[in-house]
Protein backbone atom coordinates (compact mmCIF):
# COMPACT_ATOMS: atom_id res chain seq x y z
CA MET A 1 0.00 0.00 0.00
CA ALA A 2 1.46 3.30 -1.03
CA ALA A 3 2.37 5.81 1.73
CA GLN A 4 -0.02 8.72 2.15
CA TRP A 5 1.58 12.16 2.44
CA GLY A 6 -0.10 15.32 3.65
CA THR A 7 0.31 18.60 5.53
CA ARG A 8 -1.11 19.38 8.89
CA ILE A 9 -1.42 23.04 9.81
CA SER A 10 -2.10 24.33 13.33
CA LEU A 11 -3.14 27.95 13.73
CA ARG A 12 -3.38 29.96 16.93
CA ASP A 13 -4.42 33.57 17.31
CA ILE A 14 -1.63 35.38 19.18
CA THR A 15 -2.98 38.88 18.60
CA ASP A 16 -3.79 39.36 22.30
CA ARG A 17 -0.37 38.15 23.36
CA LYS A 18 1.38 40.49 20.92
CA ARG A 19 -0.79 43.38 22.03
CA MET A 20 0.04 42.61 25.65
CA GLU A 21 3.75 42.45 24.82
CA LEU A 22 3.53 45.83 23.13
CA GLU A 23 1.64 47.27 26.10
CA LEU A 24 4.18 45.90 28.56
CA ARG A 25 7.00 47.31 26.46
CA HIS A 26 5.27 50.67 26.36
CA LEU A 27 4.77 50.64 30.14
CA ALA A 28 8.42 49.75 30.65
CA LEU A 29 9.59 52.72 28.59
CA HIS A 30 6.95 55.38 29.26
CA ASP A 31 5.69 57.40 32.21
CA PRO A 32 2.27 56.03 33.29
CA LEU A 33 0.81 59.48 34.06
CA THR A 34 1.81 61.51 31.01
CA SER A 35 2.70 58.74 28.52
CA LEU A 36 5.96 60.54 27.86
CA ALA A 37 9.23 58.65 27.57
CA ASN A 38 10.60 57.69 30.97
CA ARG A 39 14.16 57.83 32.23
CA SER A 40 15.15 54.52 30.63
CA LEU A 41 13.92 55.44 27.16
CA CYS A 42 15.39 58.94 27.39
CA LEU A 43 18.83 57.60 28.35
CA ASP A 44 18.65 55.05 25.54
CA ARG A 45 17.87 57.73 22.94
CA LEU A 46 20.55 59.94 24.43
CA ARG A 47 23.01 57.08 24.07
CA GLN A 48 22.02 56.77 20.39
CA ALA A 49 22.51 60.52 19.87
CA MET A 50 25.99 60.25 21.36
CA ALA A 51 26.79 57.36 19.00
CA ARG A 52 25.73 59.47 16.02
CA ALA A 53 27.92 62.31 17.28
CA GLN A 54 30.87 59.91 17.25
CA ARG A 55 30.18 58.87 13.63
CA HIS A 56 29.33 62.28 12.16
CA HIS A 57 31.13 65.55 12.67
CA PRO A 58 29.86 68.09 13.31
CA TYR A 59 26.74 66.66 14.95
CA TYR A 60 24.99 68.81 17.53
CA PHE A 61 22.33 67.79 20.01
CA GLY A 62 21.13 69.34 23.25
CA LEU A 63 19.74 68.08 26.55
CA VAL A 64 17.34 70.30 28.49
CA PHE A 65 16.46 69.69 32.15
CA LEU A 66 13.21 71.49 33.06
CA ASP A 67 11.78 71.91 36.56
CA LEU A 68 8.47 73.68 37.22
CA ASP A 69 8.80 76.57 39.69
CA ARG A 70 6.85 76.39 42.97
CA PHE A 71 4.87 73.37 41.81
CA LYS A 72 4.71 72.04 45.38
CA ILE A 73 2.64 75.06 46.45
CA LEU A 74 0.12 74.34 43.68
CA ASN A 75 0.06 70.64 44.64
CA ASP A 76 -0.43 71.36 48.33
CA SER A 77 -3.12 74.00 47.84
CA LEU A 78 -5.28 72.30 45.17
CA GLY A 79 -4.45 68.64 45.75
CA HIS A 80 -2.35 65.97 44.07
CA GLY A 81 -5.12 65.03 41.65
CA PHE A 82 -5.19 68.57 40.32
CA GLY A 83 -1.38 68.60 40.24
CA ASP A 84 -1.41 65.44 38.12
CA ARG A 85 -3.76 67.06 35.60
CA VAL A 86 -1.41 70.03 35.42
CA LEU A 87 1.52 67.71 34.71
CA VAL A 88 -0.40 65.99 31.91
CA GLU A 89 -1.19 69.37 30.36
CA VAL A 90 2.45 70.46 30.67
CA ALA A 91 3.50 67.23 28.94
CA ARG A 92 1.24 68.01 25.96
CA VAL A 93 2.51 71.60 25.84
CA LEU A 94 6.12 70.43 25.75
CA GLU A 95 5.39 67.87 23.03
CA ARG A 96 3.81 70.55 20.85
CA SER A 97 6.80 72.83 21.36
CA VAL A 98 9.44 70.49 19.89
CA ARG A 99 9.94 68.62 16.62
CA ASN A 100 8.88 65.01 15.99
CA LEU A 101 12.49 63.83 16.09
CA ASP A 102 13.01 65.28 19.60
CA THR A 103 12.22 63.35 22.79
CA VAL A 104 10.25 64.74 25.73
CA SER A 105 10.51 62.63 28.88
CA ARG A 106 9.32 62.87 32.44
CA PHE A 107 11.81 61.99 35.15
CA GLY A 108 9.35 62.08 38.03
CA GLY A 109 7.62 64.78 40.03
CA ASP A 110 7.65 68.04 38.09
CA GLU A 111 10.93 67.35 36.30
CA PHE A 112 11.08 66.92 32.52
CA VAL A 113 14.00 66.25 30.19
CA ILE A 114 13.98 67.18 26.50
CA LEU A 115 16.47 65.71 24.02
CA LEU A 116 16.94 68.02 21.03
CA GLU A 117 18.31 66.05 18.06
CA GLU A 118 20.11 67.04 14.85
CA LEU A 119 20.66 70.70 15.67
CA ALA A 120 22.03 72.84 12.88
CA SER A 121 24.04 74.84 15.41
CA PRO A 122 24.19 75.52 19.18
CA ARG A 123 22.10 78.63 18.53
CA GLU A 124 19.17 76.42 17.49
CA ALA A 125 19.17 74.94 21.01
CA MET A 126 18.77 78.41 22.49
CA GLN A 127 15.83 79.06 20.16
CA ALA A 128 14.24 75.81 21.33
CA ILE A 129 14.67 76.92 24.95
CA GLN A 130 12.84 80.16 24.21
CA ARG A 131 9.95 78.24 22.60
CA LEU A 132 9.68 75.98 25.64
CA ARG A 133 9.65 78.91 28.06
CA GLN A 134 7.02 80.79 26.08
CA ALA A 135 4.82 77.71 25.82
CA ILE A 136 5.01 76.99 29.56
CA ALA A 137 4.25 80.63 30.42
CA LYS A 138 0.90 80.67 28.57
CA PRO A 139 -1.94 80.31 31.11
CA PHE A 140 -4.31 77.34 30.76
CA ILE A 141 -7.57 76.41 32.45
CA ILE A 142 -8.02 73.22 34.47
CA ASP A 143 -11.24 72.52 36.43
CA GLY A 144 -12.12 76.20 36.31
CA HIS A 145 -8.73 77.28 37.68
CA GLU A 146 -6.42 79.42 35.58
CA VAL A 147 -2.91 78.05 35.98
CA GLN A 148 0.10 80.26 35.31
CA LEU A 149 3.41 78.44 35.39
CA THR A 150 7.08 79.25 35.04
CA ALA A 151 10.02 76.88 34.81
CA SER A 152 13.74 76.80 35.47
CA LEU A 153 15.74 75.22 32.67
CA GLY A 154 19.29 74.01 32.28
CA ILE A 155 20.85 72.95 29.01
CA THR A 156 24.00 71.14 28.03
CA LEU A 157 25.15 70.66 24.46
CA GLY A 158 26.21 67.21 23.37
CA SER A 159 29.07 66.71 20.96
CA LYS A 160 31.80 64.24 20.05
CA GLU A 161 33.47 64.96 23.43
CA ALA A 162 30.44 63.83 25.49
CA VAL A 163 31.38 61.11 28.00
CA SER A 164 28.19 59.26 28.98
CA PRO A 165 24.41 59.82 29.01
CA GLU A 166 24.47 60.04 32.81
CA ASP A 167 27.16 62.75 32.68
CA LEU A 168 25.14 64.83 30.22
CA LEU A 169 22.03 64.43 32.35
CA ARG A 170 23.99 65.49 35.44
CA ASN A 171 25.34 68.55 33.62
CA ALA A 172 21.89 69.67 32.47
CA ASN A 173 20.59 69.17 36.03
CA ILE A 174 23.41 71.27 37.48
CA ALA A 175 22.64 74.05 35.01
CA MET A 176 18.95 73.90 35.95
CA HIS A 177 19.76 74.30 39.65
CA HIS A 178 21.87 77.35 38.81
CA ALA A 179 18.87 78.79 36.97
CA LYS A 180 16.60 78.14 39.96
CA LYS A 181 19.05 79.72 42.38
CA SER A 182 19.27 82.78 40.12
CA GLY A 183 15.64 83.57 40.79
CA ARG A 184 13.55 80.96 38.93
CA ASN A 185 11.90 81.44 35.53
CA ARG A 186 15.37 81.45 33.95
CA PHE A 187 17.62 79.19 31.97
CA LYS A 188 21.34 78.52 32.20
CA ALA A 189 23.75 76.76 29.88
CA PHE A 190 26.14 74.30 31.51
CA THR A 191 29.79 75.26 31.95
CA LYS A 192 32.75 73.37 33.40
CA THR A 193 32.88 75.96 36.20
CA MET A 194 29.41 74.81 37.28
CA LEU A 195 30.61 71.22 37.50
CA GLU A 196 33.65 72.21 39.55
CA ARG A 197 31.43 74.20 41.90
CA ALA A 198 28.97 71.32 42.22
CA SER A 199 31.84 68.96 43.02
CA ASN A 200 33.19 71.36 45.64
CA LEU A 201 29.74 71.68 47.20
CA LEU A 202 29.42 67.91 47.38
CA HIS A 203 32.73 67.65 49.22
CA LEU A 204 31.68 70.55 51.45
CA GLU A 205 28.41 68.79 52.30
CA THR A 206 30.29 65.61 53.22
CA ASP A 207 32.71 67.58 55.37
CA LEU A 208 29.81 69.44 57.01
CA ARG A 209 28.17 66.22 58.16
CA GLN A 210 31.44 65.01 59.65
CA ALA A 211 32.24 68.41 61.18
CA ILE A 212 29.32 68.27 63.61
CA ALA A 213 30.36 64.85 64.88
CA ARG A 214 33.99 65.97 65.13
CA HIS A 215 33.10 69.17 67.04
CA GLU A 216 34.77 71.42 64.46
CA PHE A 217 32.21 74.21 64.91
CA PHE A 218 32.50 76.90 67.55
CA VAL A 219 30.59 80.05 68.46
CA VAL A 220 31.84 83.63 68.55
CA TYR A 221 30.06 86.63 70.03
CA GLN A 222 29.76 90.15 68.63
CA PRO A 223 28.88 92.93 71.11
CA ILE A 224 25.67 94.96 70.63
CA VAL A 225 25.78 98.40 72.27
CA ARG A 226 23.30 101.13 73.05
CA LEU A 227 23.49 104.15 70.77
CA ASP A 228 23.46 106.81 73.45
CA GLU A 229 26.02 108.87 75.32
CA THR A 230 26.83 105.96 77.66
CA GLY A 231 27.40 103.34 74.97
CA THR A 232 26.26 100.66 77.43
CA LEU A 233 26.74 97.04 76.42
CA HIS A 234 23.31 95.63 75.59
CA GLY A 235 24.19 92.07 74.64
CA PHE A 236 25.89 89.83 72.11
CA GLU A 237 25.00 88.14 68.85
CA ALA A 238 26.07 84.49 68.63
CA LEU A 239 27.69 83.55 65.31
CA VAL A 240 28.88 80.12 64.19
CA ARG A 241 32.36 79.47 62.81
CA TRP A 242 33.90 76.37 61.26
CA ASN A 243 37.53 75.41 61.79
CA HIS A 244 38.19 72.77 59.13
CA PRO A 245 41.11 70.45 60.06
CA GLU A 246 42.71 70.87 56.63
CA LYS A 247 41.31 74.08 55.13
CA GLY A 248 41.30 76.15 58.31
CA LEU A 249 38.52 78.68 58.90
CA ILE A 250 35.76 78.40 56.30
CA SER A 251 33.58 81.46 55.75
CA PRO A 252 29.92 81.17 56.82
CA VAL A 253 29.07 82.63 53.41
CA ASP A 254 30.32 79.35 51.94
CA PHE A 255 28.93 76.77 54.34
CA ILE A 256 25.67 78.24 55.68
CA PRO A 257 23.82 78.03 52.31
CA VAL A 258 24.93 74.39 51.91
CA ALA A 259 23.83 73.58 55.46
CA GLU A 260 20.49 75.26 54.76
CA GLU A 261 19.92 73.42 51.50
CA THR A 262 20.80 70.00 52.92
CA GLY A 263 18.93 70.42 56.22
CA ILE A 264 22.13 70.18 58.28
CA ILE A 265 21.34 73.73 59.45
CA VAL A 266 18.70 72.38 61.88
CA GLU A 267 21.23 70.36 63.87
CA LEU A 268 23.84 73.10 63.51
CA GLY A 269 21.34 75.68 64.71
CA ARG A 270 20.56 73.65 67.82
CA PHE A 271 24.28 73.48 68.58
CA VAL A 272 24.67 77.28 68.27
CA LEU A 273 21.58 77.99 70.37
CA HIS A 274 22.68 75.58 73.11
CA ALA A 275 26.24 76.97 73.16
CA ALA A 276 25.03 80.58 73.27
CA CYS A 277 22.54 79.96 76.07
CA GLN A 278 25.08 77.98 78.08
CA THR A 279 27.70 80.70 77.65
CA LEU A 280 25.46 83.54 78.84
CA PHE A 281 24.28 81.41 81.76
CA GLU A 282 27.92 80.91 82.86
CA TRP A 283 28.65 84.63 82.47
CA ARG A 284 25.60 85.50 84.60
CA LYS A 285 26.90 83.28 87.41
CA THR A 286 30.29 85.03 87.36
CA ASN A 287 29.33 88.65 86.70
CA GLN A 288 26.14 90.22 88.04
CA ASP A 289 26.15 92.80 85.23
CA ALA A 290 25.78 89.97 82.71
CA GLN A 291 22.23 89.52 83.97
CA LYS A 292 21.36 92.75 82.15
CA LEU A 293 22.45 91.33 78.79
CA ILE A 294 20.55 89.77 75.90
CA MET A 295 21.91 86.90 73.80
CA SER A 296 20.78 87.14 70.16
CA VAL A 297 20.73 83.94 68.10
CA ASN A 298 19.84 83.65 64.41
CA LEU A 299 17.24 81.20 63.17
CA SER A 300 17.63 80.14 59.56
CA PRO A 301 14.56 79.72 57.30
CA ARG A 302 14.89 75.93 57.52
CA GLN A 303 15.05 76.05 61.32
CA PHE A 304 12.09 78.41 61.55
CA SER A 305 9.95 76.06 59.45
CA ASP A 306 10.80 73.07 61.67
CA PRO A 307 7.56 71.97 63.45
CA LEU A 308 9.62 71.00 66.53
CA LEU A 309 11.30 74.42 66.79
CA VAL A 310 9.46 75.74 69.87
CA ASP A 311 9.80 72.47 71.79
CA SER A 312 13.51 72.35 70.90
CA ILE A 313 14.07 75.89 72.22
CA VAL A 314 12.18 75.15 75.43
CA GLY A 315 14.33 72.06 75.93
CA ILE A 316 17.56 74.00 75.43
CA LEU A 317 16.50 76.72 77.89
CA ASP A 318 15.65 74.05 80.47
CA GLU A 319 18.98 72.28 79.94
CA THR A 320 21.11 75.42 80.20
CA GLY A 321 19.12 77.24 82.87
CA LEU A 322 19.03 80.51 80.92
CA PRO A 323 15.78 82.44 81.48
CA PRO A 324 13.76 83.04 78.29
CA SER A 325 13.87 86.81 78.88
CA ALA A 326 17.65 86.75 78.28
CA LEU A 327 17.24 85.28 74.79
CA LYS A 328 16.45 87.08 71.55
CA LEU A 329 15.79 85.16 68.34
CA GLU A 330 16.56 86.80 65.00
CA ILE A 331 14.48 85.58 62.06
CA THR A 332 15.01 86.74 58.49
CA GLU A 333 12.33 88.60 56.61
CA SER A 334 12.05 85.89 53.96
CA ALA A 335 11.67 83.11 56.56
CA ILE A 336 8.72 84.90 58.11
CA MET A 337 7.05 85.93 54.87
CA ASP A 338 7.36 82.56 53.10
CA ASN A 339 4.58 81.20 55.31
CA ALA A 340 3.07 84.14 57.14
CA SER A 341 0.12 82.29 58.71
CA THR A 342 2.32 79.62 60.29
CA ALA A 343 4.88 82.27 61.25
CA VAL A 344 2.33 84.23 63.29
CA ASP A 345 1.42 81.21 65.41
CA ARG A 346 5.05 80.17 65.91
CA LEU A 347 6.17 83.69 66.84
CA ARG A 348 3.31 84.09 69.31
CA ARG A 349 4.25 80.82 71.02
CA LEU A 350 7.85 82.00 71.36
CA LYS A 351 6.72 85.42 72.56
CA ALA A 352 4.49 83.79 75.19
CA LEU A 353 7.58 82.12 76.63
CA GLY A 354 9.13 85.54 77.25
CA ILE A 355 11.65 85.37 74.37
CA ALA A 356 12.38 88.60 72.49
CA LEU A 357 11.96 88.52 68.70
CA SER A 358 13.74 90.42 65.97
CA ILE A 359 13.34 90.59 62.22
CA ASP A 360 16.79 90.25 60.69
CA ASP A 361 18.27 91.81 57.54
CA PHE A 362 15.28 94.09 57.13
CA GLY A 363 15.00 95.64 53.67
CA THR A 364 16.30 92.62 51.77
CA GLY A 365 12.93 90.82 51.64
CA TYR A 366 9.40 91.80 50.69
CA SER A 367 7.50 92.52 53.89
CA SER A 368 5.31 95.57 54.22
CA MET A 369 4.07 97.67 57.09
CA SER A 370 0.70 95.88 57.08
CA SER A 371 2.33 92.45 57.23
CA LEU A 372 4.80 93.47 59.94
CA GLN A 373 1.94 94.64 62.16
CA GLN A 374 0.62 91.10 62.60
CA PHE A 375 3.91 89.74 63.98
CA PRO A 376 4.78 90.08 67.72
CA LEU A 377 8.25 91.56 67.13
CA ASP A 378 10.46 93.58 69.48
CA THR A 379 13.27 94.82 67.28
CA LEU A 380 14.17 95.32 63.65
CA LYS A 381 17.72 94.91 62.39
CA ILE A 382 18.85 96.98 59.42
CA ASP A 383 20.92 95.03 56.92
CA LEU A 384 24.57 96.12 56.81
CA GLY A 385 24.25 96.79 53.07
CA PHE A 386 22.02 99.79 53.84
CA ILE A 387 24.39 101.02 56.54
CA ARG A 388 27.32 100.94 54.11
CA ARG A 389 25.37 102.88 51.47
CA MET A 390 24.24 105.44 54.02
CA ASP A 391 27.41 107.52 53.66
CA ALA A 392 27.67 107.04 49.91
CA SER A 393 24.53 108.87 48.81
CA THR A 394 21.58 110.93 49.97
CA GLU A 395 19.27 108.14 48.80
CA GLY A 396 21.09 105.64 51.03
CA LEU A 397 20.63 107.89 54.04
CA GLU A 398 16.95 108.41 53.27
CA ILE A 399 16.34 104.66 53.06
CA VAL A 400 17.86 104.10 56.52
CA LYS A 401 15.85 107.01 57.87
CA ALA A 402 12.64 105.55 56.40
CA ILE A 403 13.35 102.11 57.90
CA ILE A 404 13.93 103.59 61.35
CA ASN A 405 10.75 105.67 61.11
CA LEU A 406 8.78 102.59 60.01
CA ALA A 407 10.11 100.58 62.93
CA HIS A 408 9.30 103.27 65.44
CA SER A 409 5.77 103.64 64.04
CA LEU A 410 5.35 99.95 64.82
CA ARG A 411 6.86 100.43 68.29
CA LEU A 412 9.95 98.42 67.39
CA GLN A 413 13.49 99.24 68.47
CA VAL A 414 16.20 99.27 65.82
CA VAL A 415 19.60 97.55 65.64
CA ALA A 416 22.05 98.68 62.97
CA GLU A 417 24.63 96.06 61.95
CA GLY A 418 27.92 96.68 60.21
CA VAL A 419 28.71 99.99 61.92
CA GLU A 420 32.38 100.68 61.22
CA GLY A 421 32.95 104.39 61.68
CA THR A 422 32.14 107.17 64.14
CA GLU A 423 30.34 109.14 61.42
CA GLN A 424 27.97 106.24 60.84
CA ARG A 425 27.40 105.94 64.57
CA ASN A 426 26.67 109.67 64.96
CA THR A 427 24.25 109.66 62.02
CA LEU A 428 22.39 106.67 63.42
CA MET A 429 22.18 108.34 66.83
CA ASP A 430 20.71 111.46 65.21
CA LEU A 431 18.13 109.27 63.43
CA GLY A 432 17.08 107.71 66.73
CA CYS A 433 18.49 104.21 66.18
CA GLU A 434 18.68 102.46 69.56
CA PHE A 435 21.43 99.84 69.11
CA ALA A 436 24.45 99.09 66.93
CA GLN A 437 27.02 96.39 66.32
CA GLY A 438 30.04 96.29 64.06
CA TYR A 439 33.79 96.63 63.84
CA LEU A 440 33.64 100.09 65.41
CA TYR A 441 32.99 98.31 68.69
CA ALA A 442 34.46 94.84 68.19
CA LYS A 443 34.77 91.98 65.76
CA PRO A 444 33.07 88.71 66.73
CA LEU A 445 34.99 87.39 69.75
CA GLU A 446 35.62 83.91 71.12
CA ASP A 447 33.85 83.30 74.42
CA ASN A 448 36.78 84.11 76.74
CA LYS A 449 37.55 87.36 74.90
CA ALA A 450 33.86 88.26 74.80
CA PHE A 451 33.69 87.77 78.58
CA ALA A 452 36.74 90.02 79.00
CA TYR A 453 35.00 92.63 76.81
CA LEU A 454 31.94 92.34 79.05
CA ASN A 455 33.95 92.85 82.23
CA GLU A 456 35.84 95.80 80.78
CA SER A 457 32.68 97.47 79.50
CA PHE A 458 30.96 97.47 82.86
CA SER A 459 34.13 98.35 84.82
CA LYS A 460 34.49 101.53 82.72
CA GLN A 461 30.98 102.55 83.70
CA GLY A 462 31.89 102.21 87.34
């Protein structure tokens, strides 16, 4: 019997499986909220752009890091659901503002990264930046709310010399942070100087964290005197200093902003407050005249926003034994005004303890007479920048005069900082300023020298 030959065909519909594979691939490479490319896809396309730059010369591409300004305030006030709808709208705006060959990605939160491909020249990247800024700035309506946004942008240009996708992303991010620190709603192009500064700040942050544990910080005290014929010592302002084991004394101008940004300032602030209170308590035990003095201690914006601030201060006063009436806290204008409603409650709680309160660096922020009236303040400190300009022009003098008059109308006493000459002192006395501090009287002194200054001051007065 002859063999029978045939073909057997088995068919199976795999459409659903393929669709699922495509969906899973899409989810793996795209942001679930906005459907934009995610970090993985962006880095992959950036890697491809770098490969093209190696093969073709010249080949220009740009990487833009975009961060929405003050988005957290919008999120907190109108809710995360509303914030998500805003992010989706921003995603569509960004997509419409670039070419089809460019990649818009979301890196999380309110951060977006845009890869600009095949640029004719670096100038074309700047033109793209302007389009993005203009598009973001146009108001749009969501759930009946008109939303007006701004963004801080950083850009780095890719070329044959680019090292890795992660390096380019880091560079664009560094440039964005420079833009944000410059006042928001700006853009900055990356430079090698920025990278060097970022590296230095990273080392500084690491050293800062170790410095607290190694007890490298110490406190100095600058005298505050009465501006009258007696020139009586009124008190001291406590100021922190850092003696680095290798670099020596590091300026507060360099390390205070880093401590503020990283949150280290809260622990550092507690150290300064404890040291200052302990020092004045010891002086009061040794010299009766020290019981007339006030110890002024600065609170940074980060400290002032700490929910545990009041409890922390109460604990330090209990530990050191210093009465609350001997302590004055200096809070910057910006720290108070950033959250005025919370500030009022916090200041009233401190005032109820018997602690004196001062607004520091007045004139550098944006408070007004009406806003100042709601705060339970005792003194106002004029920023040294105004004191220095006082002798330089009539306008400078008029500004200081206006600040003093404003303070007095609010029943606040005035402290002038940065007084360096007798002419400045005499002018401030004529204007009715109550207190002054500065190099005319003494530089900030270590505790033993400050105590000697205290003893000498009161011995002269008999």
